[in-house]
C-alpha atoms as a PDB file:
ATOM      1  CA  MET A   1     133.776 122.919 120.752  1.00  0.00           C
ATOM      2  CA  ILE A   2     131.582 125.664 122.166  1.00  0.00           C
ATOM      3  CA  SER A   3     131.693 127.794 119.038  1.00  0.00           C
ATOM      4  CA  GLU A   4     129.866 125.008 117.202  1.00  0.00           C
ATOM      5  CA  ILE A   5     126.646 125.202 119.278  1.00  0.00           C
ATOM      6  CA  ASP A   6     123.528 127.060 118.212  1.00  0.00           C
ATOM      7  CA  ILE A   7     121.894 128.943 121.108  1.00  0.00           C
ATOM      8  CA  ARG A   8     118.477 128.550 119.424  1.00  0.00           C
ATOM      9  CA  ASP A   9     118.661 124.788 120.184  1.00  0.00           C
ATOM     10  CA  PHE A  10     118.542 125.528 123.931  1.00  0.00           C
ATOM     11  CA  ASP A  11     115.947 126.681 126.444  1.00  0.00           C
ATOM     12  CA  ILE A  12     117.037 129.227 129.040  1.00  0.00           C
ATOM     13  CA  LEU A  13     116.219 128.242 132.614  1.00  0.00           C
ATOM     14  CA  PRO A  14     115.604 130.703 135.467  1.00  0.00           C
ATOM     15  CA  ILE A  15     118.653 132.439 136.962  1.00  0.00           C
ATOM     16  CA  ARG A  16     120.395 130.617 139.801  1.00  0.00           C
ATOM     17  CA  GLU A  17     123.790 130.478 141.471  1.00  0.00           C
ATOM     18  CA  LEU A  18     126.476 128.717 139.484  1.00  0.00           C
ATOM     19  CA  TYR A  19     127.196 126.131 142.191  1.00  0.00           C
ATOM     20  CA  LYS A  20     123.585 124.891 141.719  1.00  0.00           C
ATOM     21  CA  VAL A  21     124.093 124.250 137.977  1.00  0.00           C
ATOM     22  CA  LYS A  22     124.924 120.800 136.637  1.00  0.00           C
ATOM     23  CA  PRO A  23     128.636 120.592 135.744  1.00  0.00           C
ATOM     24  CA  ARG A  24     129.653 120.179 132.071  1.00  0.00           C
ATOM     25  CA  SER A  25     126.721 122.240 130.791  1.00  0.00           C
ATOM     26  CA  TYR A  26     126.172 125.556 129.013  1.00  0.00           C
ATOM     27  CA  ILE A  27     125.273 128.747 130.847  1.00  0.00           C
ATOM     28  CA  LYS A  28     124.258 132.249 129.829  1.00  0.00           C
ATOM     29  CA  LEU A  29     125.480 135.347 131.672  1.00  0.00           C
ATOM     30  CA  PRO A  30     122.501 137.668 132.140  1.00  0.00           C
ATOM     31  CA  TRP A  31     124.700 140.724 132.905  1.00  0.00           C
ATOM     32  CA  MET A  32     126.489 140.338 129.523  1.00  0.00           C
ATOM     33  CA  GLU A  33     123.329 139.832 127.395  1.00  0.00           C
ATOM     34  CA  GLY A  34     123.850 140.550 123.719  1.00  0.00           C
ATOM     35  CA  THR A  35     127.666 140.301 123.732  1.00  0.00           C
ATOM     36  CA  ASP A  36     129.770 137.554 122.137  1.00  0.00           C
ATOM     37  CA  ASP A  37     130.809 136.308 125.599  1.00  0.00           C
ATOM     38  CA  ASP A  38     127.352 135.829 127.090  1.00  0.00           C
ATOM     39  CA  VAL A  39     127.386 132.002 126.690  1.00  0.00           C
ATOM     40  CA  LEU A  40     129.959 129.802 128.439  1.00  0.00           C
ATOM     41  CA  PHE A  41     130.617 126.100 128.824  1.00  0.00           C
ATOM     42  CA  PHE A  42     130.646 125.408 132.573  1.00  0.00           C
ATOM     43  CA  ASP A  43     132.966 122.518 133.344  1.00  0.00           C
ATOM     44  CA  HIS A  44     133.216 122.417 137.126  1.00  0.00           C
ATOM     45  CA  ILE A  45     133.574 124.308 140.412  1.00  0.00           C
ATOM     46  CA  ASP A  46     137.108 124.454 141.823  1.00  0.00           C
ATOM     47  CA  GLY A  47     137.004 125.894 145.328  1.00  0.00           C
ATOM     48  CA  MET A  48     135.495 129.412 145.279  1.00  0.00           C
ATOM     49  CA  TYR A  49     135.719 129.717 141.500  1.00  0.00           C
ATOM     50  CA  SER A  50     134.679 127.768 138.406  1.00  0.00           C
ATOM     51  CA  TYR A  51     136.388 126.513 135.264  1.00  0.00           C
ATOM     52  CA  CYS A  52     134.475 127.730 132.213  1.00  0.00           C
ATOM     53  CA  LEU A  53     135.269 128.216 128.507  1.00  0.00           C
ATOM     54  CA  ASN A  54     134.023 131.036 126.305  1.00  0.00           C
ATOM     55  CA  MET A  55     133.330 130.910 122.544  1.00  0.00           C
ATOM     56  CA  GLN A  56     137.015 131.418 121.766  1.00  0.00           C
ATOM     57  CA  ASN A  57     137.956 128.507 124.099  1.00  0.00           C
ATOM     58  CA  GLN A  58     139.542 130.835 126.607  1.00  0.00           C
ATOM     59  CA  VAL A  59     139.355 129.840 130.269  1.00  0.00           C
ATOM     60  CA  ILE A  60     137.039 132.001 132.400  1.00  0.00           C
ATOM     61  CA  HIS A  61     136.922 131.679 136.203  1.00  0.00           C
ATOM     62  CA  LEU A  62     133.531 132.840 137.516  1.00  0.00           C
ATOM     63  CA  GLN A  63     132.780 132.985 141.216  1.00  0.00           C
ATOM     64  CA  ALA A  64     130.927 129.886 142.361  1.00  0.00           C
ATOM     65  CA  TRP A  65     128.054 132.099 143.587  1.00  0.00           C
ATOM     66  CA  ALA A  66     127.728 134.090 140.354  1.00  0.00           C
ATOM     67  CA  GLU A  67     124.145 134.303 139.043  1.00  0.00           C
ATOM     68  CA  VAL A  68     123.765 132.571 135.687  1.00  0.00           C
ATOM     69  CA  ALA A  69     120.992 131.206 133.499  1.00  0.00           C
ATOM     70  CA  PRO A  70     121.504 127.474 132.734  1.00  0.00           C
ATOM     71  CA  LEU A  71     120.812 126.307 129.186  1.00  0.00           C
ATOM     72  CA  VAL A  72     119.230 122.933 128.420  1.00  0.00           C
ATOM     73  CA  LYS A  73     118.855 121.279 125.049  1.00  0.00           C
ATOM     74  CA  LYS A  74     115.323 121.591 123.634  1.00  0.00           C
ATOM     75  CA  ALA A  75     113.416 118.327 123.238  1.00  0.00           C
ATOM     76  CA  LYS A  76     113.215 117.177 119.645  1.00  0.00           C
ATOM     77  CA  PRO A  77     109.675 117.224 118.278  1.00  0.00           C
ATOM     78  CA  ASP A  78     108.253 113.819 117.443  1.00  0.00           C
END
């Protein structure tokens, strides 16, 4: 469930178009910085739009070319 993740466990990658992001990953919306809906789970692209979930598990359909910042899990220190 997306509401169970901690954003501090992720690194934010440079902004890119959504269609260039790996499916089934987390993304940050730079234009909504600081709101409760600035992190989404990106599932897949479906035509011109995407299938994403917000923190409340509501479906969000972003444009495939929307600019987003991908999130990747930080490496665990040895």
